[in-house]
Amino acid sequence: MLNIIAYILGLISLVIVIPATIPLLGWANWIALPFIVLGAIVGQISSKNGGRNFCLIVLVIAAIRLSIGGGII
């Protein structure tokens, strides 16, 4: 059950992160980061690793986009 919750939190954050790759929308990654971290924590508590790994992949995408834009743009 916790793995499904981690997947859902990862999907919510992915829906926010994908449009945030457009220039001038990088600030949306800051909105997605709490969902990603919460999903990774819930996925860590779960007995399976799929939800946690999915959240970590979304985290890498958001972190790369934030580093390219200097954290804001």
C-alpha atoms as a PDB file:
ATOM      1  CA  MET A   1       0.000   0.000   0.000  1.00  0.00           C
ATOM      2  CA  LEU A   2       2.805   2.421   0.820  1.00  0.00           C
ATOM      3  CA  ASN A   3       4.412   1.666  -2.541  1.00  0.00           C
ATOM      4  CA  ILE A   4       1.212   2.729  -4.330  1.00  0.00           C
ATOM      5  CA  ILE A   5       1.141   5.965  -2.319  1.00  0.00           C
ATOM      6  CA  ALA A   6       4.768   6.621  -3.306  1.00  0.00           C
ATOM      7  CA  TYR A   7       3.886   6.053  -6.971  1.00  0.00           C
ATOM      8  CA  ILE A   8       0.927   8.452  -6.703  1.00  0.00           C
ATOM      9  CA  LEU A   9       3.084  11.144  -5.104  1.00  0.00           C
ATOM     10  CA  GLY A  10       5.683  10.569  -7.828  1.00  0.00           C
ATOM     11  CA  LEU A  11       3.066  10.945 -10.554  1.00  0.00           C
ATOM     12  CA  ILE A  12       1.730  14.148  -9.004  1.00  0.00           C
ATOM     13  CA  SER A  13       5.221  15.584  -8.902  1.00  0.00           C
ATOM     14  CA  LEU A  14       5.989  14.396 -12.441  1.00  0.00           C
ATOM     15  CA  VAL A  15       2.900  16.235 -13.703  1.00  0.00           C
ATOM     16  CA  ILE A  16       4.334  19.384 -12.114  1.00  0.00           C
ATOM     17  CA  VAL A  17       7.954  18.784 -13.202  1.00  0.00           C
ATOM     18  CA  ILE A  18       7.306  18.140 -16.913  1.00  0.00           C
ATOM     19  CA  PRO A  19       5.802  21.581 -17.654  1.00  0.00           C
ATOM     20  CA  ALA A  20       8.496  23.119 -15.438  1.00  0.00           C
ATOM     21  CA  THR A  21      11.094  22.232 -18.067  1.00  0.00           C
ATOM     22  CA  ILE A  22       9.735  25.098 -20.173  1.00  0.00           C
ATOM     23  CA  PRO A  23      11.811  28.260 -19.753  1.00  0.00           C
ATOM     24  CA  LEU A  24      10.540  30.678 -17.091  1.00  0.00           C
ATOM     25  CA  LEU A  25       8.538  27.929 -15.356  1.00  0.00           C
ATOM     26  CA  GLY A  26      11.412  26.506 -13.313  1.00  0.00           C
ATOM     27  CA  TRP A  27       9.871  27.829 -10.110  1.00  0.00           C
ATOM     28  CA  ALA A  28       7.309  25.016 -10.365  1.00  0.00           C
ATOM     29  CA  ASN A  29      10.048  22.532  -9.469  1.00  0.00           C
ATOM     30  CA  TRP A  30      10.155  24.074  -5.992  1.00  0.00           C
ATOM     31  CA  ILE A  31       6.459  23.211  -5.659  1.00  0.00           C
ATOM     32  CA  ALA A  32       7.121  19.627  -6.766  1.00  0.00           C
ATOM     33  CA  LEU A  33      10.075  19.010  -4.430  1.00  0.00           C
ATOM     34  CA  PRO A  34       8.028  18.420  -1.239  1.00  0.00           C
ATOM     35  CA  PHE A  35       5.892  15.840  -3.068  1.00  0.00           C
ATOM     36  CA  ILE A  36       9.013  14.117  -4.390  1.00  0.00           C
ATOM     37  CA  VAL A  37      10.695  13.980  -0.987  1.00  0.00           C
ATOM     38  CA  LEU A  38       7.525  12.764   0.721  1.00  0.00           C
ATOM     39  CA  GLY A  39       7.102  10.081  -1.947  1.00  0.00           C
ATOM     40  CA  ALA A  40      10.704   8.961  -1.512  1.00  0.00           C
ATOM     41  CA  ILE A  41      10.254   8.725   2.266  1.00  0.00           C
ATOM     42  CA  VAL A  42       7.023   6.754   1.936  1.00  0.00           C
ATOM     43  CA  GLY A  43       8.682   4.532  -0.666  1.00  0.00           C
ATOM     44  CA  GLN A  44      11.581   3.903   1.689  1.00  0.00           C
ATOM     45  CA  ILE A  45       9.188   2.723   4.386  1.00  0.00           C
ATOM     46  CA  SER A  46       7.499   0.383   1.884  1.00  0.00           C
ATOM     47  CA  SER A  47       8.659  -3.190   1.442  1.00  0.00           C
ATOM     48  CA  LYS A  48       9.158  -2.650  -2.301  1.00  0.00           C
ATOM     49  CA  ASN A  49      11.542  -0.245  -4.020  1.00  0.00           C
ATOM     50  CA  GLY A  50       9.597   0.750  -7.142  1.00  0.00           C
ATOM     51  CA  GLY A  51       7.833   3.826  -5.768  1.00  0.00           C
ATOM     52  CA  ARG A  52      10.981   5.130  -4.103  1.00  0.00           C
ATOM     53  CA  ASN A  53      13.037   4.635  -7.252  1.00  0.00           C
ATOM     54  CA  PHE A  54      10.411   6.416  -9.353  1.00  0.00           C
ATOM     55  CA  CYS A  55      10.429   9.393  -6.981  1.00  0.00           C
ATOM     56  CA  LEU A  56      14.220   9.505  -7.055  1.00  0.00           C
ATOM     57  CA  ILE A  57      14.220   9.578 -10.871  1.00  0.00           C
ATOM     58  CA  VAL A  58      11.752  12.488 -10.815  1.00  0.00           C
ATOM     59  CA  LEU A  59      13.981  14.163  -8.211  1.00  0.00           C
ATOM     60  CA  VAL A  60      16.994  13.885 -10.518  1.00  0.00           C
ATOM     61  CA  ILE A  61      15.020  15.436 -13.394  1.00  0.00           C
ATOM     62  CA  ALA A  62      13.864  18.323 -11.182  1.00  0.00           C
ATOM     63  CA  ALA A  63      17.358  18.858  -9.737  1.00  0.00           C
ATOM     64  CA  ILE A  64      18.960  18.988 -13.182  1.00  0.00           C
ATOM     65  CA  ARG A  65      16.357  21.495 -14.358  1.00  0.00           C
ATOM     66  CA  LEU A  66      16.854  23.639 -11.262  1.00  0.00           C
ATOM     67  CA  SER A  67      20.629  23.614 -11.666  1.00  0.00           C
ATOM     68  CA  ILE A  68      20.355  24.629 -15.315  1.00  0.00           C
ATOM     69  CA  GLY A  69      18.076  27.548 -14.444  1.00  0.00           C
ATOM     70  CA  GLY A  70      20.107  28.697 -11.483  1.00  0.00           C
ATOM     71  CA  GLY A  71      17.416  27.676  -9.005  1.00  0.00           C
ATOM     72  CA  ILE A  72      14.727  30.086 -10.095  1.00  0.00           C
ATOM     73  CA  ILE A  73      14.215  30.425 -13.828  1.00  0.00           C
END
